[in-house]
Amino acid sequence: MTFVPEPLDPDDDRPPYEQVARGLAAAIRTRKLKPGEKLPSHKNLTEHYGFARATIQRALRDLEDEGLVVSRKGSGVYVRERTERPAGLRPYVEQAFASEYVTIDFAGFSSETLHNTLQEPIDKIRVGRLTPSSIRIRILVPDMSVTHAAPVLMDGADDPRLRRRMHDMMMGFTRSISNAVMELKHLELVQDASVFVRLHSGTQFFKLYVINERDAFFGYYPIRPNKVLVQGKMVEFFDLVGADATLFHHSVNDGDSTSGAQQVEQAKRWFESVWETIGRDFDPNGE
C-alpha cells in the first residue's frame, strides 16, 4: 500500500516545515511508515502539502537530524532501520489520544514530564480537535515519607526537607493531571475518564511509560549534584534528574519481537506486579 501523509491541521500555527516534519515523524513512530521504507519524493510531498520545495527539504532535514530518516543520494529518503533508540515522548502521547480508548501507565519520580506532555492533547480535546471516548491514567510514584537512596545530602545523609520538597512537587503534578483529565469528563468531552495514583516505598531509579498497551518508553534517572533553596537555606544534595533521562522506545509493531513486543509485554507485567502488590492508593487531592 502506498503511504499517503495525513492532512495538516489548518489551525496549527507552527511554521510549515515543522508541521510537515511532525506529521511525517508521527507516521514513522506509529509504523505507518515502517523501518527501511522509502518516503514519498520531494515532488510528491510538495504537491501533497502545497508548500515550496525548500519547506519540504527543511522538514526532511529536521527528520534526518532527529535520526528518524536517512538520505541516500540518487535514491531518496528512507526511514532509518533501528530498534532501540532515544525517542521523544510527546508525539507518541498525542498520537495515542487520537485513539478511541487511551491508556497511559507511568512509573517515575514525580510525573513532571508526563504532566507537561499531556497539556497539548488535553487542550486539543477541549477545542474538539481530538475526541477519545475514554482516558485511563495510572501513576506509580515513590512514597517520600520514608528514606530513599536519593535525594540525599552530599554526605549521603537523609534530609526530610528534601523529601518533603519532592512530595510537594509530586502532589502538584499528579493533582494537576487528575484535575485536568477529570474536567474533560465533567464537561462531557469524554465519556469516561479516570486517574489513579499509587505510592511504593522503593527509590525510583528509572521512568517507564506504557501507552495504549502498544508502546513502552524506558529511561534511567542519572544522579547529579544539585542545590535548591529550602526553608530559606541553600541546600546542596544529590538529586535524580528527570530532564537528563534518555528514553528508549519499544513497540509491539517492531519487527523483532525480542526488542519490541516482548519488551512491551515485560513492561506491562512489571508495572502490573508493582501496582497490585506493594502499590498503595494515594489521593493527590486529599491533602
C-alpha atoms as a PDB file:
ATOM      1  CA  MET A   1       0.000   0.000   0.000  1.00  0.00           C
ATOM      2  CA  THR A   2       1.350   3.429  -0.959  1.00  0.00           C
ATOM      3  CA  PHE A   3       1.812   5.742   2.010  1.00  0.00           C
ATOM      4  CA  VAL A   4      -0.275   8.932   1.898  1.00  0.00           C
ATOM      5  CA  PRO A   5       0.555  11.567   4.537  1.00  0.00           C
ATOM      6  CA  GLU A   6      -2.198  12.765   6.841  1.00  0.00           C
ATOM      7  CA  PRO A   7      -3.535  16.246   6.025  1.00  0.00           C
ATOM      8  CA  LEU A   8      -2.185  19.041   8.174  1.00  0.00           C
ATOM      9  CA  ASP A   9      -4.262  20.751  10.831  1.00  0.00           C
ATOM     10  CA  PRO A  10      -5.420  24.131   9.415  1.00  0.00           C
ATOM     11  CA  ASP A  11      -5.417  25.582  12.946  1.00  0.00           C
ATOM     12  CA  ASP A  12      -1.789  24.629  13.602  1.00  0.00           C
ATOM     13  CA  ASP A  13       0.206  27.856  13.937  1.00  0.00           C
ATOM     14  CA  ARG A  14       3.650  26.253  13.759  1.00  0.00           C
ATOM     15  CA  PRO A  15       5.906  27.026  10.752  1.00  0.00           C
ATOM     16  CA  PRO A  16       5.015  24.912   7.663  1.00  0.00           C
ATOM     17  CA  TYR A  17       8.288  22.941   7.710  1.00  0.00           C
ATOM     18  CA  GLU A  18       7.683  21.989  11.366  1.00  0.00           C
ATOM     19  CA  GLN A  19       4.108  20.884  10.621  1.00  0.00           C
ATOM     20  CA  VAL A  20       5.346  18.633   7.809  1.00  0.00           C
ATOM     21  CA  ALA A  21       8.201  17.248   9.929  1.00  0.00           C
ATOM     22  CA  ARG A  22       5.901  16.455  12.874  1.00  0.00           C
ATOM     23  CA  GLY A  23       3.315  14.820  10.624  1.00  0.00           C
ATOM     24  CA  LEU A  24       5.895  12.562   8.992  1.00  0.00           C
ATOM     25  CA  ALA A  25       7.551  11.858  12.360  1.00  0.00           C
ATOM     26  CA  ALA A  26       4.204  10.704  13.753  1.00  0.00           C
ATOM     27  CA  ALA A  27       3.754   8.384  10.766  1.00  0.00           C
ATOM     28  CA  ILE A  28       7.215   6.900  11.368  1.00  0.00           C
ATOM     29  CA  ARG A  29       6.697   6.446  15.100  1.00  0.00           C
ATOM     30  CA  THR A  30       3.343   4.759  14.641  1.00  0.00           C
ATOM     31  CA  ARG A  31       4.762   2.487  11.892  1.00  0.00           C
ATOM     32  CA  LYS A  32       2.560   3.858   9.137  1.00  0.00           C
ATOM     33  CA  LEU A  33       5.972   4.370   7.578  1.00  0.00           C
ATOM     34  CA  LYS A  34       7.971   1.276   8.501  1.00  0.00           C
ATOM     35  CA  PRO A  35      11.739   0.946   9.046  1.00  0.00           C
ATOM     36  CA  GLY A  36      13.515   0.800   5.700  1.00  0.00           C
ATOM     37  CA  GLU A  37      10.517   2.176   3.799  1.00  0.00           C
ATOM     38  CA  LYS A  38      11.039   4.980   1.305  1.00  0.00           C
ATOM     39  CA  LEU A  39       9.311   8.297   1.895  1.00  0.00           C
ATOM     40  CA  PRO A  40       7.355   9.974  -0.912  1.00  0.00           C
ATOM     41  CA  SER A  41       9.587  12.015  -3.204  1.00  0.00           C
ATOM     42  CA  HIS A  42      10.226  15.743  -2.742  1.00  0.00           C
ATOM     43  CA  LYS A  43       7.938  16.350  -5.730  1.00  0.00           C
ATOM     44  CA  ASN A  44       5.104  14.273  -4.289  1.00  0.00           C
ATOM     45  CA  LEU A  45       5.400  15.853  -0.858  1.00  0.00           C
ATOM     46  CA  THR A  46       5.458  19.330  -2.381  1.00  0.00           C
ATOM     47  CA  GLU A  47       2.301  18.590  -4.364  1.00  0.00           C
ATOM     48  CA  HIS A  48       0.578  16.903  -1.420  1.00  0.00           C
ATOM     49  CA  TYR A  49       1.209  19.654   1.131  1.00  0.00           C
ATOM     50  CA  GLY A  50       1.157  22.600  -1.250  1.00  0.00           C
ATOM     51  CA  PHE A  51       4.347  24.096   0.192  1.00  0.00           C
ATOM     52  CA  ALA A  52       7.546  25.172  -1.555  1.00  0.00           C
ATOM     53  CA  ARG A  53      10.277  22.603  -2.180  1.00  0.00           C
ATOM     54  CA  ALA A  54      12.517  24.432   0.297  1.00  0.00           C
ATOM     55  CA  THR A  55       9.912  23.846   3.031  1.00  0.00           C
ATOM     56  CA  ILE A  56       9.878  20.095   2.337  1.00  0.00           C
ATOM     57  CA  GLN A  57      13.688  19.986   2.268  1.00  0.00           C
ATOM     58  CA  ARG A  58      13.822  21.722   5.669  1.00  0.00           C
ATOM     59  CA  ALA A  59      11.287  19.264   7.123  1.00  0.00           C
ATOM     60  CA  LEU A  60      13.234  16.247   5.867  1.00  0.00           C
ATOM     61  CA  ARG A  61      16.472  17.745   7.152  1.00  0.00           C
ATOM     62  CA  ASP A  62      14.888  18.063  10.610  1.00  0.00           C
ATOM     63  CA  LEU A  63      13.821  14.406  10.479  1.00  0.00           C
ATOM     64  CA  GLU A  64      17.344  13.419   9.489  1.00  0.00           C
ATOM     65  CA  ASP A  65      18.814  15.492  12.340  1.00  0.00           C
ATOM     66  CA  GLU A  66      16.413  13.721  14.697  1.00  0.00           C
ATOM     67  CA  GLY A  67      17.696  10.361  13.469  1.00  0.00           C
ATOM     68  CA  LEU A  68      14.374   9.197  12.048  1.00  0.00           C
ATOM     69  CA  VAL A  69      15.349   9.084   8.356  1.00  0.00           C
ATOM     70  CA  VAL A  70      18.443   8.688   6.223  1.00  0.00           C
ATOM     71  CA  SER A  71      19.011  10.310   2.829  1.00  0.00           C
ATOM     72  CA  ARG A  72      20.585   8.177   0.116  1.00  0.00           C
ATOM     73  CA  LYS A  73      21.998  10.183  -2.754  1.00  0.00           C
ATOM     74  CA  GLY A  74      20.296   9.427  -6.029  1.00  0.00           C
ATOM     75  CA  SER A  75      17.774   7.128  -4.361  1.00  0.00           C
ATOM     76  CA  GLY A  76      15.640   9.113  -1.926  1.00  0.00           C
ATOM     77  CA  VAL A  77      14.859   9.387   1.776  1.00  0.00           C
ATOM     78  CA  TYR A  78      14.247   6.266   3.853  1.00  0.00           C
ATOM     79  CA  VAL A  79      13.022   5.539   7.363  1.00  0.00           C
ATOM     80  CA  ARG A  80      16.038   4.588   9.407  1.00  0.00           C
ATOM     81  CA  GLU A  81      16.189   0.911  10.401  1.00  0.00           C
ATOM     82  CA  ARG A  82      16.726   0.558  14.134  1.00  0.00           C
ATOM     83  CA  THR A  83      15.105  -0.972  17.178  1.00  0.00           C
ATOM     84  CA  GLU A  84      16.279   0.599  20.437  1.00  0.00           C
ATOM     85  CA  ARG A  85      16.741   4.325  20.076  1.00  0.00           C
ATOM     86  CA  PRO A  86      16.400   7.576  22.008  1.00  0.00           C
ATOM     87  CA  ALA A  87      12.863   8.828  21.451  1.00  0.00           C
ATOM     88  CA  GLY A  88      10.756  11.882  22.112  1.00  0.00           C
ATOM     89  CA  LEU A  89       7.648  11.061  24.143  1.00  0.00           C
ATOM     90  CA  ARG A  90       5.343  13.903  23.116  1.00  0.00           C
ATOM     91  CA  PRO A  91       4.409  12.805  19.541  1.00  0.00           C
ATOM     92  CA  TYR A  92       3.507   9.314  20.739  1.00  0.00           C
ATOM     93  CA  VAL A  93       1.287  10.598  23.534  1.00  0.00           C
ATOM     94  CA  GLU A  94      -0.553  12.916  21.178  1.00  0.00           C
ATOM     95  CA  GLN A  95      -0.965  10.084  18.679  1.00  0.00           C
ATOM     96  CA  ALA A  96      -2.358   7.900  21.495  1.00  0.00           C
ATOM     97  CA  PHE A  97      -5.085  10.459  22.156  1.00  0.00           C
ATOM     98  CA  ALA A  98      -6.244  10.066  18.561  1.00  0.00           C
ATOM     99  CA  SER A  99      -7.445   6.585  19.587  1.00  0.00           C
ATOM    100  CA  GLU A 100     -10.896   5.965  20.985  1.00  0.00           C
ATOM    101  CA  TYR A 101      -9.561   4.425  24.196  1.00  0.00           C
ATOM    102  CA  VAL A 102      -6.470   5.994  25.783  1.00  0.00           C
ATOM    103  CA  THR A 103      -4.437   4.236  28.476  1.00  0.00           C
ATOM    104  CA  ILE A 104      -1.198   5.523  29.989  1.00  0.00           C
ATOM    105  CA  ASP A 105       0.684   3.755  32.779  1.00  0.00           C
ATOM    106  CA  PHE A 106       3.561   5.761  34.254  1.00  0.00           C
ATOM    107  CA  ALA A 107       6.167   4.837  36.855  1.00  0.00           C
ATOM    108  CA  GLY A 108       8.658   7.517  37.778  1.00  0.00           C
ATOM    109  CA  PHE A 109       9.871  10.040  40.292  1.00  0.00           C
ATOM    110  CA  SER A 110       7.451  12.971  40.156  1.00  0.00           C
ATOM    111  CA  SER A 111       5.352  12.730  36.929  1.00  0.00           C
ATOM    112  CA  GLU A 112       6.552  16.186  35.830  1.00  0.00           C
ATOM    113  CA  THR A 113       7.343  15.089  32.264  1.00  0.00           C
ATOM    114  CA  LEU A 114       4.017  13.278  31.984  1.00  0.00           C
ATOM    115  CA  HIS A 115       2.227  16.382  33.233  1.00  0.00           C
ATOM    116  CA  ASN A 116       3.926  18.611  30.666  1.00  0.00           C
ATOM    117  CA  THR A 117       3.399  16.126  27.830  1.00  0.00           C
ATOM    118  CA  LEU A 118      -0.341  15.852  28.496  1.00  0.00           C
ATOM    119  CA  GLN A 119      -1.031  19.561  28.198  1.00  0.00           C
ATOM    120  CA  GLU A 120      -1.230  19.742  24.398  1.00  0.00           C
ATOM    121  CA  PRO A 121      -3.513  16.741  23.786  1.00  0.00           C
ATOM    122  CA  ILE A 122      -5.797  17.845  26.629  1.00  0.00           C
ATOM    123  CA  ASP A 123      -6.021  21.316  25.089  1.00  0.00           C
ATOM    124  CA  LYS A 124      -6.899  19.733  21.745  1.00  0.00           C
ATOM    125  CA  ILE A 125      -9.676  17.712  23.366  1.00  0.00           C
ATOM    126  CA  ARG A 126     -11.081  20.913  24.874  1.00  0.00           C
ATOM    127  CA  VAL A 127     -11.397  22.513  21.445  1.00  0.00           C
ATOM    128  CA  GLY A 128     -12.627  19.362  19.710  1.00  0.00           C
ATOM    129  CA  ARG A 129      -9.543  18.528  17.668  1.00  0.00           C
ATOM    130  CA  LEU A 130      -9.082  15.198  19.479  1.00  0.00           C
ATOM    131  CA  THR A 131     -12.099  13.120  20.505  1.00  0.00           C
ATOM    132  CA  PRO A 132     -11.254   9.997  22.532  1.00  0.00           C
ATOM    133  CA  SER A 133     -14.127   8.256  24.302  1.00  0.00           C
ATOM    134  CA  SER A 134     -12.190   7.031  27.321  1.00  0.00           C
ATOM    135  CA  ILE A 135      -8.995   8.010  29.174  1.00  0.00           C
ATOM    136  CA  ARG A 136      -7.354   5.973  31.925  1.00  0.00           C
ATOM    137  CA  ILE A 137      -4.091   7.103  33.510  1.00  0.00           C
ATOM    138  CA  ARG A 138      -2.264   5.230  36.277  1.00  0.00           C
ATOM    139  CA  ILE A 139       0.665   6.875  38.066  1.00  0.00           C
ATOM    140  CA  LEU A 140       3.130   4.979  40.260  1.00  0.00           C
ATOM    141  CA  VAL A 141       5.489   7.172  42.312  1.00  0.00           C
ATOM    142  CA  PRO A 142       7.690   6.722  45.408  1.00  0.00           C
ATOM    143  CA  ASP A 143       6.419   7.440  48.914  1.00  0.00           C
ATOM    144  CA  MET A 144       8.561  10.360  50.063  1.00  0.00           C
ATOM    145  CA  SER A 145       7.565   9.961  53.717  1.00  0.00           C
ATOM    146  CA  VAL A 146      10.239   7.246  54.011  1.00  0.00           C
ATOM    147  CA  THR A 147      14.000   7.486  53.415  1.00  0.00           C
ATOM    148  CA  HIS A 148      15.417   6.890  49.943  1.00  0.00           C
ATOM    149  CA  ALA A 149      18.802   6.487  48.288  1.00  0.00           C
ATOM    150  CA  ALA A 150      18.142   9.853  46.613  1.00  0.00           C
ATOM    151  CA  PRO A 151      17.599  12.721  47.056  1.00  0.00           C
ATOM    152  CA  VAL A 152      20.177  12.865  49.872  1.00  0.00           C
ATOM    153  CA  LEU A 153      22.703  15.368  51.165  1.00  0.00           C
ATOM    154  CA  MET A 154      26.192  15.348  49.672  1.00  0.00           C
ATOM    155  CA  ASP A 155      27.458  13.200  52.561  1.00  0.00           C
ATOM    156  CA  GLY A 156      24.706  10.651  51.920  1.00  0.00           C
ATOM    157  CA  ALA A 157      22.581  11.697  54.893  1.00  0.00           C
ATOM    158  CA  ASP A 158      18.806  11.770  54.650  1.00  0.00           C
ATOM    159  CA  ASP A 159      17.118  15.179  54.829  1.00  0.00           C
ATOM    160  CA  PRO A 160      13.346  15.233  55.455  1.00  0.00           C
ATOM    161  CA  ARG A 161      13.221  18.709  53.905  1.00  0.00           C
ATOM    162  CA  LEU A 162      14.337  17.325  50.550  1.00  0.00           C
ATOM    163  CA  ARG A 163      11.821  14.510  50.727  1.00  0.00           C
ATOM    164  CA  ARG A 164       9.049  16.967  51.588  1.00  0.00           C
ATOM    165  CA  ARG A 165      10.064  19.117  48.637  1.00  0.00           C
ATOM    166  CA  MET A 166       9.796  16.129  46.307  1.00  0.00           C
ATOM    167  CA  HIS A 167       6.487  15.107  47.869  1.00  0.00           C
ATOM    168  CA  ASP A 168       5.076  18.582  47.254  1.00  0.00           C
ATOM    169  CA  MET A 169       6.273  18.517  43.624  1.00  0.00           C
ATOM    170  CA  MET A 170       4.723  15.098  43.065  1.00  0.00           C
ATOM    171  CA  MET A 171       1.497  16.259  44.710  1.00  0.00           C
ATOM    172  CA  GLY A 172       1.308  19.297  42.442  1.00  0.00           C
ATOM    173  CA  PHE A 173       1.881  17.406  39.192  1.00  0.00           C
ATOM    174  CA  THR A 174      -0.380  14.449  39.970  1.00  0.00           C
ATOM    175  CA  ARG A 175      -3.143  16.738  41.249  1.00  0.00           C
ATOM    176  CA  SER A 176      -2.924  18.847  38.103  1.00  0.00           C
ATOM    177  CA  ILE A 177      -3.084  15.743  35.867  1.00  0.00           C
ATOM    178  CA  SER A 178      -6.056  14.374  37.783  1.00  0.00           C
ATOM    179  CA  ASN A 179      -7.974  17.643  37.745  1.00  0.00           C
ATOM    180  CA  ALA A 180      -7.349  18.296  34.039  1.00  0.00           C
ATOM    181  CA  VAL A 181      -8.385  14.795  32.951  1.00  0.00           C
ATOM    182  CA  MET A 182     -11.450  14.634  35.213  1.00  0.00           C
ATOM    183  CA  GLU A 183     -12.551  18.048  33.980  1.00  0.00           C
ATOM    184  CA  LEU A 184     -12.845  16.548  30.482  1.00  0.00           C
ATOM    185  CA  LYS A 185     -15.356  14.056  31.865  1.00  0.00           C
ATOM    186  CA  HIS A 186     -17.311  16.686  33.802  1.00  0.00           C
ATOM    187  CA  LEU A 187     -17.539  18.822  30.663  1.00  0.00           C
ATOM    188  CA  GLU A 188     -18.737  15.702  28.797  1.00  0.00           C
ATOM    189  CA  LEU A 189     -15.858  15.968  26.327  1.00  0.00           C
ATOM    190  CA  VAL A 190     -15.059  12.311  27.012  1.00  0.00           C
ATOM    191  CA  GLN A 191     -17.473   9.606  28.097  1.00  0.00           C
ATOM    192  CA  ASP A 192     -15.217   8.145  30.747  1.00  0.00           C
ATOM    193  CA  ALA A 193     -12.030   9.298  32.477  1.00  0.00           C
ATOM    194  CA  SER A 194     -10.006   8.144  35.452  1.00  0.00           C
ATOM    195  CA  VAL A 195      -6.662   8.965  37.062  1.00  0.00           C
ATOM    196  CA  PHE A 196      -5.277   6.640  39.758  1.00  0.00           C
ATOM    197  CA  VAL A 197      -2.144   7.278  41.819  1.00  0.00           C
ATOM    198  CA  ARG A 198      -0.317   4.721  43.952  1.00  0.00           C
ATOM    199  CA  LEU A 199       2.800   5.023  46.110  1.00  0.00           C
ATOM    200  CA  HIS A 200       5.559   2.498  46.790  1.00  0.00           C
ATOM    201  CA  SER A 201       8.489   2.607  49.190  1.00  0.00           C
ATOM    202  CA  GLY A 202      11.335   1.959  46.749  1.00  0.00           C
ATOM    203  CA  THR A 203      13.690   4.544  45.255  1.00  0.00           C
ATOM    204  CA  GLN A 204      12.677   5.157  41.638  1.00  0.00           C
ATOM    205  CA  PHE A 205      15.863   4.995  39.565  1.00  0.00           C
ATOM    206  CA  PHE A 206      14.089   4.855  36.195  1.00  0.00           C
ATOM    207  CA  LYS A 207      10.967   6.081  34.463  1.00  0.00           C
ATOM    208  CA  LEU A 208       8.572   3.966  32.436  1.00  0.00           C
ATOM    209  CA  TYR A 209       5.609   4.782  30.222  1.00  0.00           C
ATOM    210  CA  VAL A 210       3.274   2.215  28.676  1.00  0.00           C
ATOM    211  CA  ILE A 211       0.978   3.894  26.162  1.00  0.00           C
ATOM    212  CA  ASN A 212      -2.188   2.250  24.845  1.00  0.00           C
ATOM    213  CA  GLU A 213      -0.568  -1.088  25.771  1.00  0.00           C
ATOM    214  CA  ARG A 214       1.359  -0.939  22.499  1.00  0.00           C
ATOM    215  CA  ASP A 215       4.332   1.343  23.133  1.00  0.00           C
ATOM    216  CA  ALA A 216       6.758   1.390  26.045  1.00  0.00           C
ATOM    217  CA  PHE A 217       9.317   4.069  26.880  1.00  0.00           C
ATOM    218  CA  PHE A 218      12.091   3.429  29.388  1.00  0.00           C
ATOM    219  CA  GLY A 219      14.865   5.651  30.709  1.00  0.00           C
ATOM    220  CA  TYR A 220      17.255   5.835  33.671  1.00  0.00           C
ATOM    221  CA  TYR A 221      17.403   8.825  36.017  1.00  0.00           C
ATOM    222  CA  PRO A 222      21.012   9.990  36.322  1.00  0.00           C
ATOM    223  CA  ILE A 223      22.053  11.282  39.756  1.00  0.00           C
ATOM    224  CA  ARG A 224      23.562  14.761  39.691  1.00  0.00           C
ATOM    225  CA  PRO A 225      24.698  17.331  42.279  1.00  0.00           C
ATOM    226  CA  ASN A 226      22.043  19.981  42.786  1.00  0.00           C
ATOM    227  CA  LYS A 227      21.289  22.848  45.113  1.00  0.00           C
ATOM    228  CA  VAL A 228      18.000  24.473  45.993  1.00  0.00           C
ATOM    229  CA  LEU A 229      16.645  26.955  48.485  1.00  0.00           C
ATOM    230  CA  VAL A 230      14.784  25.014  51.191  1.00  0.00           C
ATOM    231  CA  GLN A 231      13.141  26.844  54.086  1.00  0.00           C
ATOM    232  CA  GLY A 232      15.337  29.874  53.483  1.00  0.00           C
ATOM    233  CA  LYS A 233      18.616  27.916  53.318  1.00  0.00           C
ATOM    234  CA  MET A 234      20.614  26.807  50.279  1.00  0.00           C
ATOM    235  CA  VAL A 235      20.970  23.030  50.392  1.00  0.00           C
ATOM    236  CA  GLU A 236      23.425  21.052  48.258  1.00  0.00           C
ATOM    237  CA  PHE A 237      22.438  17.460  47.567  1.00  0.00           C
ATOM    238  CA  PHE A 238      22.441  14.550  45.126  1.00  0.00           C
ATOM    239  CA  ASP A 239      19.289  14.594  43.015  1.00  0.00           C
ATOM    240  CA  LEU A 240      17.563  12.357  40.480  1.00  0.00           C
ATOM    241  CA  VAL A 241      17.394  14.385  37.271  1.00  0.00           C
ATOM    242  CA  GLY A 242      14.433  13.527  35.049  1.00  0.00           C
ATOM    243  CA  ALA A 243      15.308  16.049  32.344  1.00  0.00           C
ATOM    244  CA  ASP A 244      18.504  14.103  31.618  1.00  0.00           C
ATOM    245  CA  ALA A 245      16.752  10.729  31.269  1.00  0.00           C
ATOM    246  CA  THR A 246      17.103   9.461  27.706  1.00  0.00           C
ATOM    247  CA  LEU A 247      14.024   7.434  26.748  1.00  0.00           C
ATOM    248  CA  PHE A 248      14.201   4.299  24.631  1.00  0.00           C
ATOM    249  CA  HIS A 249      11.147   3.177  22.715  1.00  0.00           C
ATOM    250  CA  HIS A 250       9.784  -0.314  22.141  1.00  0.00           C
ATOM    251  CA  SER A 251       6.622  -1.104  20.220  1.00  0.00           C
ATOM    252  CA  VAL A 252       4.503  -4.167  19.513  1.00  0.00           C
ATOM    253  CA  ASN A 253       4.888  -3.097  15.884  1.00  0.00           C
ATOM    254  CA  ASP A 254       8.656  -3.588  15.922  1.00  0.00           C
ATOM    255  CA  GLY A 255       9.712  -6.278  13.524  1.00  0.00           C
ATOM    256  CA  ASP A 256      11.948  -8.047  16.046  1.00  0.00           C
ATOM    257  CA  SER A 257       9.753  -9.465  18.801  1.00  0.00           C
ATOM    258  CA  THR A 258      12.700  -9.657  21.203  1.00  0.00           C
ATOM    259  CA  SER A 259      13.191  -5.897  21.167  1.00  0.00           C
ATOM    260  CA  GLY A 260       9.588  -4.930  20.537  1.00  0.00           C
ATOM    261  CA  ALA A 261       6.520  -6.876  21.584  1.00  0.00           C
ATOM    262  CA  GLN A 262       8.326  -8.786  24.338  1.00  0.00           C
ATOM    263  CA  GLN A 263       9.760  -5.594  25.805  1.00  0.00           C
ATOM    264  CA  VAL A 264       6.296  -4.025  25.887  1.00  0.00           C
ATOM    265  CA  GLU A 265       4.827  -7.158  27.469  1.00  0.00           C
ATOM    266  CA  GLN A 266       7.502  -7.246  30.171  1.00  0.00           C
ATOM    267  CA  ALA A 267       6.994  -3.535  30.904  1.00  0.00           C
ATOM    268  CA  LYS A 268       3.264  -4.148  31.329  1.00  0.00           C
ATOM    269  CA  ARG A 269       3.885  -7.128  33.607  1.00  0.00           C
ATOM    270  CA  TRP A 270       6.370  -5.222  35.769  1.00  0.00           C
ATOM    271  CA  PHE A 271       4.021  -2.259  36.181  1.00  0.00           C
ATOM    272  CA  GLU A 272       1.058  -4.501  36.982  1.00  0.00           C
ATOM    273  CA  SER A 273       3.053  -6.510  39.529  1.00  0.00           C
ATOM    274  CA  VAL A 274       4.114  -3.424  41.498  1.00  0.00           C
ATOM    275  CA  TRP A 275       0.713  -1.771  41.154  1.00  0.00           C
ATOM    276  CA  GLU A 276      -1.135  -4.820  42.510  1.00  0.00           C
ATOM    277  CA  THR A 277       1.293  -5.771  45.299  1.00  0.00           C
ATOM    278  CA  ILE A 278       3.292  -3.025  47.017  1.00  0.00           C
ATOM    279  CA  GLY A 279       1.481  -0.047  45.473  1.00  0.00           C
ATOM    280  CA  ARG A 280      -0.748   1.848  47.924  1.00  0.00           C
ATOM    281  CA  ASP A 281      -3.626   4.092  46.865  1.00  0.00           C
ATOM    282  CA  PHE A 282      -2.960   7.810  47.157  1.00  0.00           C
ATOM    283  CA  ASP A 283      -5.342  10.706  46.583  1.00  0.00           C
ATOM    284  CA  PRO A 284      -3.416  13.793  45.349  1.00  0.00           C
ATOM    285  CA  ASN A 285      -6.454  15.930  46.190  1.00  0.00           C
ATOM    286  CA  GLY A 286      -6.685  14.524  49.693  1.00  0.00           C
ATOM    287  CA  GLU A 287      -4.139  16.792  51.402  1.00  0.00           C
END
